[in-house]
Amino acid sequence: MALGYIKQLIEAARAKGLPVIYTTGERRPDNWDSGSWRWKSTRGHEAPTTVNGGVDGNEIVTMIAPGPRDIVIKKQKPSGFFGTNLACYLT
């Protein structure tokens, strides 16, 4: 299972004092802040769905949840860099 490997990697990074950075989507409930992507996409009118019904795809699962020293970047676009401070953390 991929989550098990991700968890091992996160634990190894923390043990070495390396930063662990998460990105996750964040949108208004009415999805107005999705911008032109919604207008350009042929699927923009569809209701968001996930493989596991009722699960928010932007939610970080408990098994690999951020720790107290980890950084969580909230983003509104697919890129973790666009409109966020991710580049600042990496440099």
N, C-alpha and C. Protein backbone atom coordinates (compact mmCIF):
# COMPACT_ATOMS: atom_id res chain seq x y z
N MET A 1 0.85 -1.18 0.00
CA MET A 1 0.00 0.00 0.00
C MET A 1 0.90 1.24 0.00
N ALA A 2 0.59 2.17 -0.86
CA ALA A 2 1.41 3.37 -1.04
C ALA A 2 1.52 4.19 0.24
N LEU A 3 0.44 4.28 1.00
CA LEU A 3 0.48 5.10 2.22
C LEU A 3 1.53 4.61 3.20
N GLY A 4 1.73 3.33 3.27
CA GLY A 4 2.75 2.77 4.16
C GLY A 4 4.15 3.25 3.78
N TYR A 5 4.43 3.27 2.49
CA TYR A 5 5.74 3.75 2.01
C TYR A 5 5.89 5.25 2.22
N ILE A 6 4.82 5.99 1.99
CA ILE A 6 4.86 7.44 2.21
C ILE A 6 5.11 7.73 3.69
N LYS A 7 4.44 6.97 4.57
CA LYS A 7 4.63 7.16 6.00
C LYS A 7 6.08 6.89 6.40
N GLN A 8 6.69 5.84 5.86
CA GLN A 8 8.10 5.53 6.16
C GLN A 8 9.01 6.68 5.71
N LEU A 9 8.74 7.21 4.54
CA LEU A 9 9.54 8.31 4.01
C LEU A 9 9.41 9.56 4.89
N ILE A 10 8.19 9.86 5.30
CA ILE A 10 7.95 11.02 6.17
C ILE A 10 8.68 10.85 7.50
N GLU A 11 8.58 9.66 8.08
CA GLU A 11 9.25 9.40 9.36
C GLU A 11 10.77 9.51 9.23
N ALA A 12 11.33 9.03 8.12
CA ALA A 12 12.77 9.13 7.91
C ALA A 12 13.20 10.59 7.77
N ALA A 13 12.41 11.38 7.06
CA ALA A 13 12.72 12.81 6.91
C ALA A 13 12.67 13.52 8.26
N ARG A 14 11.65 13.25 9.03
CA ARG A 14 11.53 13.87 10.36
C ARG A 14 12.70 13.48 11.25
N ALA A 15 13.11 12.21 11.20
CA ALA A 15 14.21 11.73 12.03
C ALA A 15 15.52 12.45 11.70
N LYS A 16 15.68 12.88 10.45
CA LYS A 16 16.88 13.60 10.02
C LYS A 16 16.73 15.11 10.17
N GLY A 17 15.57 15.55 10.68
CA GLY A 17 15.35 16.99 10.86
C GLY A 17 15.02 17.72 9.58
N LEU A 18 14.64 16.98 8.55
CA LEU A 18 14.27 17.60 7.27
C LEU A 18 12.83 18.09 7.31
N PRO A 19 12.54 19.17 6.61
CA PRO A 19 11.15 19.65 6.60
C PRO A 19 10.25 18.71 5.80
N VAL A 20 9.05 18.53 6.28
CA VAL A 20 8.02 17.77 5.56
C VAL A 20 6.95 18.77 5.16
N ILE A 21 6.70 18.85 3.87
CA ILE A 21 5.77 19.85 3.35
C ILE A 21 4.62 19.14 2.64
N TYR A 22 3.41 19.53 2.98
CA TYR A 22 2.21 19.00 2.36
C TYR A 22 1.57 20.11 1.52
N THR A 23 0.91 19.74 0.42
CA THR A 23 0.05 20.68 -0.28
C THR A 23 -1.35 20.08 -0.32
N THR A 24 -2.32 20.93 -0.18
CA THR A 24 -3.70 20.48 -0.22
C THR A 24 -4.57 21.58 -0.79
N GLY A 25 -5.61 21.19 -1.48
CA GLY A 25 -6.52 22.16 -2.08
C GLY A 25 -7.45 22.78 -1.06
N GLU A 26 -7.85 23.98 -1.38
CA GLU A 26 -8.79 24.69 -0.51
C GLU A 26 -9.66 25.57 -1.40
N ARG A 27 -10.95 25.36 -1.35
CA ARG A 27 -11.88 26.12 -2.18
C ARG A 27 -13.08 26.57 -1.36
N ARG A 28 -13.71 27.62 -1.86
CA ARG A 28 -14.97 28.07 -1.27
C ARG A 28 -16.04 27.01 -1.54
N PRO A 29 -17.03 26.90 -0.67
CA PRO A 29 -18.08 25.90 -0.88
C PRO A 29 -18.82 26.07 -2.22
N ASP A 30 -18.95 27.31 -2.70
CA ASP A 30 -19.65 27.52 -3.97
C ASP A 30 -18.72 27.37 -5.18
N ASN A 31 -17.44 27.08 -4.96
CA ASN A 31 -16.43 26.84 -6.00
C ASN A 31 -16.18 28.07 -6.89
N TRP A 32 -16.59 29.22 -6.46
CA TRP A 32 -16.40 30.44 -7.25
C TRP A 32 -14.92 30.75 -7.46
N ASP A 33 -14.09 30.40 -6.51
CA ASP A 33 -12.66 30.72 -6.60
C ASP A 33 -11.87 29.74 -7.48
N SER A 34 -12.54 28.84 -8.18
CA SER A 34 -11.83 27.95 -9.09
C SER A 34 -11.35 28.70 -10.33
N GLY A 35 -11.88 29.88 -10.55
CA GLY A 35 -11.40 30.74 -11.63
C GLY A 35 -11.70 30.21 -13.01
N SER A 36 -10.85 30.56 -13.96
CA SER A 36 -11.11 30.23 -15.36
C SER A 36 -11.01 28.74 -15.66
N TRP A 37 -10.34 27.97 -14.78
CA TRP A 37 -10.28 26.53 -15.01
C TRP A 37 -11.68 25.97 -15.18
N ARG A 38 -12.60 26.39 -14.34
CA ARG A 38 -13.96 25.87 -14.38
C ARG A 38 -14.65 26.24 -15.69
N TRP A 39 -14.39 27.43 -16.17
CA TRP A 39 -15.03 27.88 -17.41
C TRP A 39 -14.42 27.18 -18.61
N LYS A 40 -13.12 26.89 -18.57
CA LYS A 40 -12.42 26.29 -19.71
C LYS A 40 -12.61 24.78 -19.79
N SER A 41 -12.80 24.14 -18.67
CA SER A 41 -12.90 22.69 -18.62
C SER A 41 -14.27 22.21 -19.10
N THR A 42 -14.25 21.16 -19.91
CA THR A 42 -15.52 20.58 -20.35
C THR A 42 -16.24 19.87 -19.20
N ARG A 43 -15.52 19.65 -18.09
CA ARG A 43 -16.11 18.97 -16.93
C ARG A 43 -16.35 19.93 -15.77
N GLY A 44 -16.18 21.24 -16.01
CA GLY A 44 -16.32 22.22 -14.95
C GLY A 44 -17.69 22.28 -14.30
N HIS A 45 -18.71 21.85 -15.02
CA HIS A 45 -20.07 21.88 -14.50
C HIS A 45 -20.40 20.68 -13.61
N GLU A 46 -19.54 19.65 -13.65
CA GLU A 46 -19.81 18.43 -12.89
C GLU A 46 -19.56 18.64 -11.40
N ALA A 47 -20.32 17.95 -10.60
CA ALA A 47 -20.09 17.98 -9.15
C ALA A 47 -18.82 17.21 -8.85
N PRO A 48 -18.00 17.68 -7.89
CA PRO A 48 -16.77 16.95 -7.56
C PRO A 48 -17.11 15.57 -6.99
N THR A 49 -16.35 14.57 -7.43
CA THR A 49 -16.54 13.20 -6.92
C THR A 49 -15.18 12.59 -6.62
N THR A 50 -15.20 11.53 -5.87
CA THR A 50 -13.97 10.79 -5.59
C THR A 50 -14.25 9.31 -5.77
N VAL A 51 -13.21 8.52 -5.86
CA VAL A 51 -13.36 7.07 -6.00
C VAL A 51 -14.07 6.51 -4.77
N ASN A 52 -13.67 7.00 -3.61
CA ASN A 52 -14.32 6.60 -2.35
C ASN A 52 -15.37 7.64 -2.02
N GLY A 53 -16.60 7.39 -2.41
CA GLY A 53 -17.68 8.36 -2.21
C GLY A 53 -17.70 8.96 -0.81
N GLY A 54 -17.92 10.25 -0.76
CA GLY A 54 -18.01 10.95 0.51
C GLY A 54 -16.67 11.37 1.10
N VAL A 55 -15.57 11.06 0.43
CA VAL A 55 -14.25 11.43 0.93
C VAL A 55 -13.77 12.68 0.19
N ASP A 56 -13.32 13.67 0.93
CA ASP A 56 -12.78 14.89 0.33
C ASP A 56 -11.38 14.60 -0.16
N GLY A 57 -11.16 14.70 -1.46
CA GLY A 57 -9.86 14.40 -2.04
C GLY A 57 -8.76 15.34 -1.61
N ASN A 58 -9.11 16.48 -1.02
CA ASN A 58 -8.10 17.42 -0.53
C ASN A 58 -7.71 17.17 0.92
N GLU A 59 -8.40 16.27 1.58
CA GLU A 59 -8.12 16.00 2.99
C GLU A 59 -6.88 15.12 3.12
N ILE A 60 -5.99 15.50 4.02
CA ILE A 60 -4.79 14.69 4.28
C ILE A 60 -5.20 13.56 5.21
N VAL A 61 -4.95 12.33 4.78
CA VAL A 61 -5.41 11.18 5.55
C VAL A 61 -4.65 11.06 6.88
N THR A 62 -5.32 10.51 7.86
CA THR A 62 -4.78 10.41 9.22
C THR A 62 -3.45 9.66 9.27
N MET A 63 -3.30 8.63 8.47
CA MET A 63 -2.09 7.80 8.52
C MET A 63 -0.82 8.61 8.24
N ILE A 64 -0.92 9.66 7.44
CA ILE A 64 0.25 10.48 7.13
C ILE A 64 0.00 11.95 7.51
N ALA A 65 -0.78 12.16 8.53
CA ALA A 65 -1.16 13.51 8.96
C ALA A 65 0.07 14.35 9.31
N PRO A 66 -0.01 15.65 9.05
CA PRO A 66 1.10 16.54 9.40
C PRO A 66 1.37 16.54 10.90
N GLY A 67 2.65 16.61 11.23
CA GLY A 67 3.07 16.74 12.62
C GLY A 67 3.18 18.21 12.99
N PRO A 68 3.51 18.50 14.25
CA PRO A 68 3.55 19.88 14.71
C PRO A 68 4.58 20.76 14.01
N ARG A 69 5.65 20.18 13.47
CA ARG A 69 6.69 20.97 12.80
C ARG A 69 6.55 20.95 11.28
N ASP A 70 5.59 20.20 10.75
CA ASP A 70 5.40 20.11 9.31
C ASP A 70 4.71 21.36 8.77
N ILE A 71 4.87 21.57 7.48
CA ILE A 71 4.30 22.75 6.81
C ILE A 71 3.17 22.28 5.90
N VAL A 72 2.03 22.95 5.98
CA VAL A 72 0.90 22.64 5.10
C VAL A 72 0.63 23.87 4.24
N ILE A 73 0.73 23.69 2.93
CA ILE A 73 0.49 24.76 1.96
C ILE A 73 -0.93 24.58 1.43
N LYS A 74 -1.77 25.59 1.61
CA LYS A 74 -3.13 25.58 1.08
C LYS A 74 -3.09 26.21 -0.30
N LYS A 75 -3.65 25.52 -1.30
CA LYS A 75 -3.59 26.03 -2.66
C LYS A 75 -4.98 26.01 -3.30
N GLN A 76 -5.17 26.91 -4.26
CA GLN A 76 -6.44 26.96 -4.98
C GLN A 76 -6.32 26.46 -6.40
N LYS A 77 -5.12 26.25 -6.87
CA LYS A 77 -4.87 25.78 -8.23
C LYS A 77 -4.15 24.44 -8.17
N PRO A 78 -4.08 23.70 -9.28
CA PRO A 78 -3.40 22.40 -9.25
C PRO A 78 -1.93 22.50 -8.84
N SER A 79 -1.26 23.58 -9.19
CA SER A 79 0.15 23.74 -8.85
C SER A 79 0.32 24.12 -7.39
N GLY A 80 1.29 23.49 -6.74
CA GLY A 80 1.62 23.86 -5.37
C GLY A 80 2.37 25.18 -5.30
N PHE A 81 2.85 25.67 -6.43
CA PHE A 81 3.63 26.91 -6.48
C PHE A 81 2.79 28.14 -6.79
N PHE A 82 1.78 28.01 -7.65
CA PHE A 82 1.02 29.17 -8.11
C PHE A 82 0.24 29.80 -6.95
N GLY A 83 0.58 31.02 -6.63
CA GLY A 83 -0.14 31.76 -5.59
C GLY A 83 0.14 31.29 -4.17
N THR A 84 1.21 30.52 -3.96
CA THR A 84 1.54 30.05 -2.61
C THR A 84 2.98 30.46 -2.27
N ASN A 85 3.37 30.22 -1.04
CA ASN A 85 4.74 30.52 -0.61
C ASN A 85 5.64 29.27 -0.61
N LEU A 86 5.30 28.26 -1.38
CA LEU A 86 6.07 27.02 -1.42
C LEU A 86 7.51 27.27 -1.87
N ALA A 87 7.71 28.07 -2.90
CA ALA A 87 9.07 28.34 -3.38
C ALA A 87 9.94 28.97 -2.29
N CYS A 88 9.35 29.81 -1.48
CA CYS A 88 10.10 30.44 -0.37
C CYS A 88 10.58 29.38 0.63
N TYR A 89 9.73 28.43 0.95
CA TYR A 89 10.13 27.37 1.88
C TYR A 89 11.24 26.51 1.29
N LEU A 90 11.20 26.27 -0.01
CA LEU A 90 12.18 25.39 -0.63
C LEU A 90 13.54 26.08 -0.82
N THR A 91 13.55 27.41 -0.93
CA THR A 91 14.82 28.10 -1.09
C THR A 91 15.32 28.55 0.26
